[in-house]
Each structure stands twice: as C-alpha cells, then as structure tokens.
Amino acid sequence: MQRQLQSELLDSLPADHPDALHNRRDLRLVNLVMGNHRWLARTLPRTGRHGERVLEIGAGTGELGLRLAAGGNPADGLDLWPRPSGWPAARVWHRENLLTFGGYGDYHAIVGNLIFHQFSAEDLAALGSRVRDSVRVILACEPLRRKFSQTLFGLAAPLLGANHVSLHDGRVSIAAGFRGDELPQLLGLDPAAWNWTCRSTLLGAYRMVAVRRSDL
C-alpha cells in the first residue's frame, strides 16, 4: 500500500458535536484494544530521565497525559483543542499548531499517539526540522499501513459500535500510516545522530522509539 492522505471527518466537527463525542469514545476503545497508552506509559520511563520535560503533541482530550502523570511521568500538552477540564493545574497546555509551535526547545522528550500520520511528507519534514536538533527522545504510536489492518478494522469497528466518523477516519488513518523506517526517515532523523527502532503489532500498531545517539 502506498501512503495516502485524505481529510478526516473529525477535523470538520466542533469539539462538542455528538459525532465528535462518539468518535472520542471509539478512539478510547481503539487505544485500549491496541494497547497504545499502555505501551507509551511503559516506554517513556525506560527512555526518559528524571527531571526531563515531556511534551505530548496532538494531546486531544488529555487522556494519555493524565495516564502518564498517574505513572509519575507528567507531560505538558500541545493541541489546537481547548485545555481539557481535568488537565492538571501544574501542567502547561499549549493551544497552538504543532507545525508552527516555537517551544520545542524547552522539552527533552516528545510523545505522539495517532498524530504523525495526519501530516504529509512535507509537513513531517518541517516538524522534524523543528524538533530533531533539540529534543532527546521521540516516541510515536501510529497506524500500521497494511491491507490486513484495513480488513481487521472493517470487521471489528462495527462490532464495537463505531459511528460513521470513526469508520471513515479509521480507514483514512490506516492508509496514511507507516511501515518500516518510514517515520524516522520522514522526520529527517540522521542515523548518524539518532538510534531508532520501529516495530509493529499483530493488531496494527506501528511504534517508534527514537533516541539521540549522544544521549544513549
């Protein structure tokens, strides 16, 4: 499958629209079944260092950030959505575009869950140019782009009660996902400066751990 980008229906809906609220419920199920939040919560302590500042990009409703904080790894959030009502008072919420955000230099680690696939090769290159010379760790959990993932999603999502937004956006997300070393390469990570591993799961998760070599 060649990587293809299409607009997601969620992007056209207000945050409080009933279809958007149902989609967030569906995303919670997807993250639960695929183990995305569990993996990130396990992996961040293994790659992070005490006192380092962590930023979750595309933080959405803040559920991953709250889980990280509960595990002793608090993170600030970056998203175009408003600050979630339950976001910890001690943590910063940047309501900005992640492609133009100017504060990456204040952070040591970046965490992204189901966010990198939403951007074109050009946008990923631009994002990489903003983060790769300042941050030490990049963790990403994304869709694995393969036909089996599309088939599995098409069978499972209706059984889980997914609405039309989730059914559409799920297919679009998988088509825009990653394989092999595509994500670190699209971010422009220099293999001489960065060490990375990219692995996939049977349920269709693509997981990248990238650490600056000088900090290994």
Protein backbone atom coordinates (compact mmCIF):
# COMPACT_ATOMS: atom_id res chain seq x y z
CA MET A 1 0.00 0.00 0.00
CA GLN A 2 1.28 3.43 -0.95
CA ARG A 3 0.81 6.06 1.73
CA GLN A 4 -2.28 8.19 1.04
CA LEU A 5 -3.57 11.25 2.90
CA GLN A 6 -7.24 12.21 3.00
CA SER A 7 -9.13 14.64 5.20
CA GLU A 8 -10.59 13.18 8.38
CA LEU A 9 -14.24 13.93 9.18
CA LEU A 10 -13.40 14.73 12.79
CA ASP A 11 -11.41 17.77 11.67
CA SER A 12 -14.60 19.36 10.30
CA LEU A 13 -16.62 18.95 13.51
CA PRO A 14 -16.82 21.17 16.61
CA ALA A 15 -15.34 19.55 19.69
CA ASP A 16 -18.76 19.24 21.32
CA HIS A 17 -20.60 17.81 18.30
CA PRO A 18 -22.35 14.49 19.12
CA ASP A 19 -20.49 12.71 16.33
CA ALA A 20 -17.17 14.04 17.65
CA LEU A 21 -18.04 12.90 21.16
CA HIS A 22 -18.91 9.43 19.86
CA ASN A 23 -15.65 9.37 17.92
CA ARG A 24 -13.68 10.09 21.08
CA ARG A 25 -15.45 7.16 22.72
CA ASP A 26 -14.42 5.00 19.75
CA LEU A 27 -10.82 6.22 19.97
CA ARG A 28 -10.72 5.25 23.63
CA LEU A 29 -11.70 1.72 22.62
CA VAL A 30 -9.10 1.65 19.84
CA ASN A 31 -6.36 2.77 22.22
CA LEU A 32 -7.49 0.22 24.80
CA VAL A 33 -7.63 -2.71 22.38
CA MET A 34 -4.35 -1.82 20.67
CA GLY A 35 -2.62 -1.01 23.96
CA ASN A 36 -1.31 2.34 22.72
CA HIS A 37 -1.46 4.20 26.03
CA ARG A 38 -0.11 1.21 27.94
CA TRP A 39 2.88 0.97 25.62
CA LEU A 40 3.70 4.67 25.83
CA ALA A 41 3.33 4.65 29.63
CA ARG A 42 5.77 1.71 29.83
CA THR A 43 8.25 3.04 27.30
CA LEU A 44 8.61 6.65 28.43
CA PRO A 45 10.20 5.78 31.82
CA ARG A 46 12.68 3.49 30.04
CA THR A 47 13.87 6.25 27.73
CA GLY A 48 13.35 9.34 29.87
CA ARG A 49 15.45 10.77 32.66
CA HIS A 50 14.46 12.25 35.98
CA GLY A 51 13.51 15.89 35.71
CA GLU A 52 13.21 15.95 31.93
CA ARG A 53 10.32 17.90 30.42
CA VAL A 54 7.91 15.88 28.29
CA LEU A 55 5.52 17.23 25.66
CA GLU A 56 2.61 15.29 24.20
CA ILE A 57 1.79 16.58 20.73
CA GLY A 58 -1.76 16.21 19.47
CA ALA A 59 -2.83 15.77 23.07
CA GLY A 60 -6.56 15.98 22.25
CA THR A 61 -8.69 15.25 25.29
CA GLY A 62 -5.65 14.78 27.54
CA GLU A 63 -6.31 11.14 28.43
CA LEU A 64 -2.79 9.94 27.61
CA GLY A 65 -1.24 12.87 29.50
CA LEU A 66 -3.31 12.03 32.58
CA ARG A 67 -2.16 8.41 32.40
CA LEU A 68 1.47 9.45 32.10
CA ALA A 69 1.09 11.76 35.09
CA ALA A 70 -0.51 8.99 37.15
CA GLY A 71 2.55 6.85 36.42
CA GLY A 72 4.94 9.55 37.61
CA ASN A 73 5.80 10.93 34.16
CA PRO A 74 3.91 14.23 33.86
CA ALA A 75 3.74 15.87 30.45
CA ASP A 76 2.62 19.18 29.02
CA GLY A 77 0.12 19.16 26.16
CA LEU A 78 0.07 20.69 22.69
CA ASP A 79 -3.09 20.75 20.58
CA LEU A 80 -5.48 23.06 18.76
CA TRP A 81 -8.27 21.85 21.02
CA PRO A 82 -9.06 23.73 24.25
CA ARG A 83 -7.40 22.73 27.50
CA PRO A 84 -9.30 19.72 28.92
CA SER A 85 -11.25 20.40 32.09
CA GLY A 86 -9.37 17.71 34.01
CA TRP A 87 -5.88 18.74 32.87
CA PRO A 88 -3.55 19.09 35.90
CA ALA A 89 -3.18 22.69 37.05
CA ALA A 90 0.59 22.25 37.30
CA ARG A 91 0.95 21.21 33.65
CA VAL A 92 1.05 23.60 30.70
CA TRP A 93 -1.43 23.31 27.83
CA HIS A 94 -0.24 24.92 24.59
CA ARG A 95 -3.19 25.68 22.32
CA GLU A 96 -1.17 26.04 19.15
CA ASN A 97 -0.46 24.42 15.79
CA LEU A 98 2.25 21.80 16.29
CA LEU A 99 3.76 22.65 12.90
CA THR A 100 4.42 26.27 13.93
CA PHE A 101 4.91 25.81 17.69
CA GLY A 102 8.09 27.57 18.74
CA GLY A 103 8.67 25.97 22.13
CA TYR A 104 10.09 22.56 21.28
CA GLY A 105 13.49 23.64 22.55
CA ASP A 106 12.05 23.67 26.09
CA TYR A 107 11.43 19.92 26.03
CA HIS A 108 13.59 16.81 26.21
CA ALA A 109 11.05 14.24 25.04
CA ILE A 110 8.11 14.28 22.63
CA VAL A 111 5.29 11.76 22.75
CA GLY A 112 2.73 11.35 19.97
CA ASN A 113 -0.20 8.94 19.80
CA LEU A 114 -2.08 8.67 16.49
CA ILE A 115 -0.95 12.11 15.35
CA PHE A 116 2.05 11.87 12.99
CA HIS A 117 0.05 10.02 10.31
CA GLN A 118 -2.18 13.07 9.84
CA PHE A 119 0.61 15.00 8.11
CA SER A 120 2.13 14.95 4.65
CA ALA A 121 5.75 14.11 3.92
CA GLU A 122 6.46 17.84 3.61
CA ASP A 123 4.82 18.63 6.94
CA LEU A 124 6.67 15.80 8.69
CA ALA A 125 9.96 17.08 7.29
CA ALA A 126 9.13 20.56 8.60
CA LEU A 127 8.18 19.17 12.01
CA GLY A 128 11.37 17.12 12.13
CA SER A 129 13.44 20.23 11.42
CA ARG A 130 11.87 21.87 14.49
CA VAL A 131 12.44 19.02 16.94
CA ARG A 132 15.41 16.88 15.90
CA ASP A 133 18.13 19.31 16.98
CA SER A 134 16.67 19.98 20.43
CA VAL A 135 14.76 17.02 21.86
CA ARG A 136 16.45 13.83 23.04
CA VAL A 137 13.63 11.30 22.70
CA ILE A 138 10.70 10.90 20.29
CA LEU A 139 8.05 8.24 20.94
CA ALA A 140 5.28 7.56 18.45
CA CYS A 141 2.40 5.13 18.25
CA GLU A 142 0.70 5.19 14.84
CA PRO A 143 -1.38 3.02 12.49
CA LEU A 144 0.46 0.30 10.61
CA ARG A 145 -0.29 0.72 6.91
CA ARG A 146 -1.29 -2.68 5.54
CA LYS A 147 -4.30 -4.29 3.88
CA PHE A 148 -4.82 -6.71 6.79
CA SER A 149 -5.21 -3.74 9.16
CA GLN A 150 -7.92 -2.33 6.90
CA THR A 151 -9.71 -5.68 6.84
CA LEU A 152 -9.43 -6.16 10.60
CA PHE A 153 -10.69 -2.64 11.28
CA GLY A 154 -13.56 -3.06 8.85
CA LEU A 155 -14.69 -6.20 10.68
CA ALA A 156 -14.11 -5.09 14.27
CA ALA A 157 -15.17 -1.43 14.27
CA PRO A 158 -18.89 -2.02 13.56
CA LEU A 159 -18.99 -4.69 16.27
CA LEU A 160 -17.60 -2.13 18.74
CA GLY A 161 -20.32 0.36 17.81
CA ALA A 162 -18.14 2.78 15.85
CA ASN A 163 -20.04 5.63 14.22
CA HIS A 164 -19.69 6.83 10.63
CA VAL A 165 -16.96 9.33 11.58
CA SER A 166 -14.84 6.64 13.19
CA LEU A 167 -15.42 4.18 10.33
CA HIS A 168 -14.28 6.76 7.79
CA ASP A 169 -11.41 8.21 9.78
CA GLY A 170 -10.12 4.78 10.78
CA ARG A 171 -9.76 3.71 7.15
CA VAL A 172 -8.16 7.05 6.28
CA SER A 173 -5.74 6.80 9.22
CA ILE A 174 -4.54 3.32 8.25
CA ALA A 175 -4.00 4.43 4.65
CA ALA A 176 -1.85 7.30 5.96
CA GLY A 177 0.07 5.15 8.44
CA PHE A 178 3.65 3.94 8.31
CA ARG A 179 5.77 0.89 7.59
CA GLY A 180 9.40 0.00 8.25
CA ASP A 181 11.60 3.02 8.93
CA GLU A 182 9.32 5.49 7.15
CA LEU A 183 8.51 7.73 10.11
CA PRO A 184 12.08 8.47 11.29
CA GLN A 185 13.10 8.97 7.68
CA LEU A 186 10.20 11.35 7.01
CA LEU A 187 11.14 13.31 10.14
CA GLY A 188 14.65 13.60 8.73
CA LEU A 189 16.37 11.85 11.64
CA ASP A 190 20.02 11.33 10.74
CA PRO A 191 21.02 7.71 11.54
CA ALA A 192 24.46 9.01 12.47
CA ALA A 193 22.87 11.14 15.19
CA TRP A 194 19.81 9.08 16.13
CA ASN A 195 19.18 5.49 17.12
CA TRP A 196 15.66 4.22 16.47
CA THR A 197 13.56 1.10 16.48
CA CYS A 198 10.30 0.74 14.57
CA ARG A 199 8.13 -2.24 15.38
CA SER A 200 4.59 -3.33 14.57
CA THR A 201 1.97 -5.41 16.35
CA LEU A 202 -0.50 -8.01 15.09
CA LEU A 203 -3.36 -5.64 15.86
CA GLY A 204 -1.93 -2.96 13.58
CA ALA A 205 0.10 -0.59 15.75
CA TYR A 206 3.30 0.99 14.42
CA ARG A 207 5.63 2.02 17.25
CA MET A 208 8.77 4.14 17.02
CA VAL A 209 11.34 4.80 19.72
CA ALA A 210 13.99 7.33 18.65
CA VAL A 211 16.82 8.44 20.95
CA ARG A 212 19.67 10.77 20.16
CA ARG A 213 22.86 8.71 19.94
CA SER A 214 24.95 11.10 22.00
CA ASP A 215 22.50 10.53 24.86
CA LEU A 216 22.32 6.74 24.77
